Amino acid sequence: MQKNVGTVDALLRITFGLAGLAYCAAQSRHRFPLFMALISAMKVAEGITRFCPMLAIFGMKSRAYSNE
């Protein structure tokens, strides 16, 4: 699994993913927050691993990616 997400992009994914999870924890009575929680958790995982499956499918890398 080769990294295809840049550092800035990874930090943004983690930040907004955690914000989404916090929102879902506060709104736990409805069904929509469950779906949003799954999407948010996926974004946190993408930020931590720095790998995005959708970018890999299209053969792309994020613009801020640097060859490390």
N, C-alpha and C. Protein backbone atom coordinates (compact mmCIF):
# COMPACT_ATOMS: atom_id res chain seq x y z
N MET A 1 0.84 -1.16 0.00
CA MET A 1 0.00 0.00 0.00
C MET A 1 0.90 1.23 0.00
N GLN A 2 0.92 1.93 -1.10
CA GLN A 2 1.78 3.10 -1.26
C GLN A 2 1.00 4.36 -0.88
N LYS A 3 1.65 5.27 -0.18
CA LYS A 3 1.00 6.51 0.24
C LYS A 3 0.61 7.33 -0.97
N ASN A 4 -0.61 7.84 -0.97
CA ASN A 4 -1.03 8.71 -2.06
C ASN A 4 -1.74 9.97 -1.55
N VAL A 5 -1.60 10.25 -0.25
CA VAL A 5 -2.21 11.43 0.37
C VAL A 5 -1.10 12.25 1.00
N GLY A 6 -1.07 13.54 0.72
CA GLY A 6 -0.05 14.42 1.26
C GLY A 6 -0.26 14.70 2.75
N THR A 7 0.74 15.33 3.35
CA THR A 7 0.71 15.61 4.78
C THR A 7 -0.43 16.56 5.15
N VAL A 8 -0.56 17.65 4.43
CA VAL A 8 -1.61 18.63 4.73
C VAL A 8 -2.99 18.00 4.52
N ASP A 9 -3.14 17.25 3.44
CA ASP A 9 -4.40 16.57 3.16
C ASP A 9 -4.72 15.57 4.26
N ALA A 10 -3.72 14.84 4.73
CA ALA A 10 -3.93 13.86 5.80
C ALA A 10 -4.37 14.55 7.09
N LEU A 11 -3.75 15.66 7.43
CA LEU A 11 -4.13 16.39 8.64
C LEU A 11 -5.56 16.93 8.54
N LEU A 12 -5.94 17.40 7.37
CA LEU A 12 -7.31 17.88 7.17
C LEU A 12 -8.32 16.74 7.28
N ARG A 13 -7.98 15.58 6.72
CA ARG A 13 -8.88 14.43 6.81
C ARG A 13 -9.07 14.00 8.27
N ILE A 14 -7.98 13.98 9.04
CA ILE A 14 -8.08 13.60 10.45
C ILE A 14 -8.90 14.62 11.22
N THR A 15 -8.65 15.91 11.00
CA THR A 15 -9.35 16.97 11.72
C THR A 15 -10.85 16.93 11.45
N PHE A 16 -11.23 16.92 10.17
CA PHE A 16 -12.65 16.93 9.84
C PHE A 16 -13.32 15.60 10.16
N GLY A 17 -12.58 14.50 10.09
CA GLY A 17 -13.13 13.22 10.48
C GLY A 17 -13.45 13.16 11.96
N LEU A 18 -12.55 13.67 12.78
CA LEU A 18 -12.80 13.70 14.23
C LEU A 18 -13.94 14.65 14.57
N ALA A 19 -14.03 15.77 13.85
CA ALA A 19 -15.14 16.70 14.06
C ALA A 19 -16.47 16.03 13.70
N GLY A 20 -16.48 15.27 12.62
CA GLY A 20 -17.69 14.54 12.24
C GLY A 20 -18.07 13.49 13.26
N LEU A 21 -17.09 12.79 13.80
CA LEU A 21 -17.37 11.79 14.84
C LEU A 21 -17.91 12.44 16.11
N ALA A 22 -17.37 13.60 16.46
CA ALA A 22 -17.87 14.32 17.63
C ALA A 22 -19.31 14.76 17.43
N TYR A 23 -19.63 15.24 16.24
CA TYR A 23 -21.00 15.63 15.93
C TYR A 23 -21.94 14.43 16.03
N CYS A 24 -21.51 13.30 15.50
CA CYS A 24 -22.35 12.10 15.52
C CYS A 24 -22.55 11.59 16.94
N ALA A 25 -21.56 11.72 17.78
CA ALA A 25 -21.70 11.30 19.18
C ALA A 25 -22.72 12.18 19.90
N ALA A 26 -22.79 13.45 19.53
CA ALA A 26 -23.74 14.37 20.16
C ALA A 26 -25.16 14.16 19.64
N GLN A 27 -25.31 13.66 18.42
CA GLN A 27 -26.62 13.47 17.78
C GLN A 27 -26.91 11.98 17.60
N SER A 28 -26.83 11.19 18.63
CA SER A 28 -26.90 9.74 18.48
C SER A 28 -28.32 9.18 18.37
N ARG A 29 -29.35 10.01 18.33
CA ARG A 29 -30.72 9.50 18.29
C ARG A 29 -31.22 9.17 16.89
N HIS A 30 -30.61 9.72 15.87
CA HIS A 30 -31.11 9.57 14.52
C HIS A 30 -30.25 8.60 13.72
N ARG A 31 -30.75 8.17 12.59
CA ARG A 31 -30.03 7.21 11.76
C ARG A 31 -28.95 7.88 10.91
N PHE A 32 -29.18 9.09 10.46
CA PHE A 32 -28.20 9.79 9.61
C PHE A 32 -26.83 9.93 10.28
N PRO A 33 -26.75 10.27 11.57
CA PRO A 33 -25.42 10.36 12.18
C PRO A 33 -24.65 9.04 12.16
N LEU A 34 -25.33 7.90 12.12
CA LEU A 34 -24.64 6.62 12.03
C LEU A 34 -23.89 6.52 10.69
N PHE A 35 -24.55 6.89 9.60
CA PHE A 35 -23.91 6.88 8.29
C PHE A 35 -22.76 7.90 8.25
N MET A 36 -23.00 9.08 8.81
CA MET A 36 -21.96 10.10 8.85
C MET A 36 -20.79 9.66 9.72
N ALA A 37 -21.06 8.91 10.78
CA ALA A 37 -19.99 8.40 11.64
C ALA A 37 -19.11 7.42 10.88
N LEU A 38 -19.72 6.59 10.05
CA LEU A 38 -18.93 5.64 9.24
C LEU A 38 -18.04 6.37 8.24
N ILE A 39 -18.59 7.38 7.59
CA ILE A 39 -17.80 8.17 6.64
C ILE A 39 -16.68 8.91 7.37
N SER A 40 -16.98 9.48 8.52
CA SER A 40 -15.98 10.22 9.29
C SER A 40 -14.86 9.30 9.76
N ALA A 41 -15.22 8.10 10.21
CA ALA A 41 -14.21 7.14 10.65
C ALA A 41 -13.32 6.72 9.49
N MET A 42 -13.90 6.60 8.30
CA MET A 42 -13.12 6.25 7.12
C MET A 42 -12.12 7.37 6.80
N LYS A 43 -12.54 8.62 6.95
CA LYS A 43 -11.65 9.74 6.68
C LYS A 43 -10.51 9.80 7.68
N VAL A 44 -10.78 9.50 8.95
CA VAL A 44 -9.72 9.45 9.96
C VAL A 44 -8.72 8.36 9.60
N ALA A 45 -9.22 7.20 9.21
CA ALA A 45 -8.33 6.09 8.84
C ALA A 45 -7.49 6.44 7.61
N GLU A 46 -8.09 7.12 6.64
CA GLU A 46 -7.33 7.55 5.46
C GLU A 46 -6.25 8.54 5.84
N GLY A 47 -6.54 9.43 6.77
CA GLY A 47 -5.54 10.40 7.21
C GLY A 47 -4.39 9.75 7.95
N ILE A 48 -4.70 8.76 8.79
CA ILE A 48 -3.65 8.10 9.56
C ILE A 48 -2.75 7.25 8.67
N THR A 49 -3.36 6.49 7.75
CA THR A 49 -2.58 5.62 6.87
C THR A 49 -2.01 6.35 5.66
N ARG A 50 -2.54 7.56 5.40
CA ARG A 50 -2.15 8.36 4.23
C ARG A 50 -2.38 7.60 2.93
N PHE A 51 -3.44 6.83 2.89
CA PHE A 51 -3.82 6.09 1.69
C PHE A 51 -5.31 6.26 1.47
N CYS A 52 -5.69 6.71 0.27
CA CYS A 52 -7.09 6.88 -0.09
C CYS A 52 -7.42 5.90 -1.22
N PRO A 53 -8.35 4.98 -1.01
CA PRO A 53 -8.68 4.01 -2.05
C PRO A 53 -9.25 4.65 -3.32
N MET A 54 -10.02 5.72 -3.17
CA MET A 54 -10.59 6.36 -4.36
C MET A 54 -9.51 7.01 -5.22
N LEU A 55 -8.51 7.61 -4.59
CA LEU A 55 -7.40 8.17 -5.36
C LEU A 55 -6.62 7.05 -6.05
N ALA A 56 -6.47 5.91 -5.38
CA ALA A 56 -5.75 4.79 -5.96
C ALA A 56 -6.49 4.22 -7.17
N ILE A 57 -7.82 4.15 -7.09
CA ILE A 57 -8.61 3.63 -8.21
C ILE A 57 -8.42 4.49 -9.45
N PHE A 58 -8.38 5.81 -9.27
CA PHE A 58 -8.23 6.71 -10.41
C PHE A 58 -6.77 6.99 -10.75
N GLY A 59 -5.84 6.38 -10.01
CA GLY A 59 -4.42 6.55 -10.30
C GLY A 59 -3.91 7.95 -10.01
N MET A 60 -4.44 8.58 -9.00
CA MET A 60 -4.07 9.95 -8.67
C MET A 60 -3.38 10.01 -7.32
N LYS A 61 -2.74 11.15 -7.05
CA LYS A 61 -2.18 11.47 -5.74
C LYS A 61 -2.66 12.86 -5.39
N SER A 62 -2.74 13.15 -4.07
CA SER A 62 -3.19 14.48 -3.71
C SER A 62 -2.11 15.50 -4.09
N ARG A 63 -2.54 16.70 -4.35
CA ARG A 63 -1.64 17.74 -4.86
C ARG A 63 -0.49 18.05 -3.91
N ALA A 64 -0.74 17.95 -2.61
CA ALA A 64 0.28 18.29 -1.62
C ALA A 64 1.21 17.11 -1.33
N TYR A 65 1.09 16.03 -2.09
CA TYR A 65 1.90 14.85 -1.84
C TYR A 65 3.36 15.14 -2.19
N SER A 66 4.26 14.72 -1.32
CA SER A 66 5.69 14.87 -1.61
C SER A 66 6.33 13.49 -1.59
N ASN A 67 7.25 13.26 -2.46
CA ASN A 67 7.92 11.95 -2.52
C ASN A 67 8.89 11.83 -1.36
N GLU A 68 8.53 11.00 -0.40
CA GLU A 68 9.36 10.83 0.79
C GLU A 68 10.16 9.57 0.69
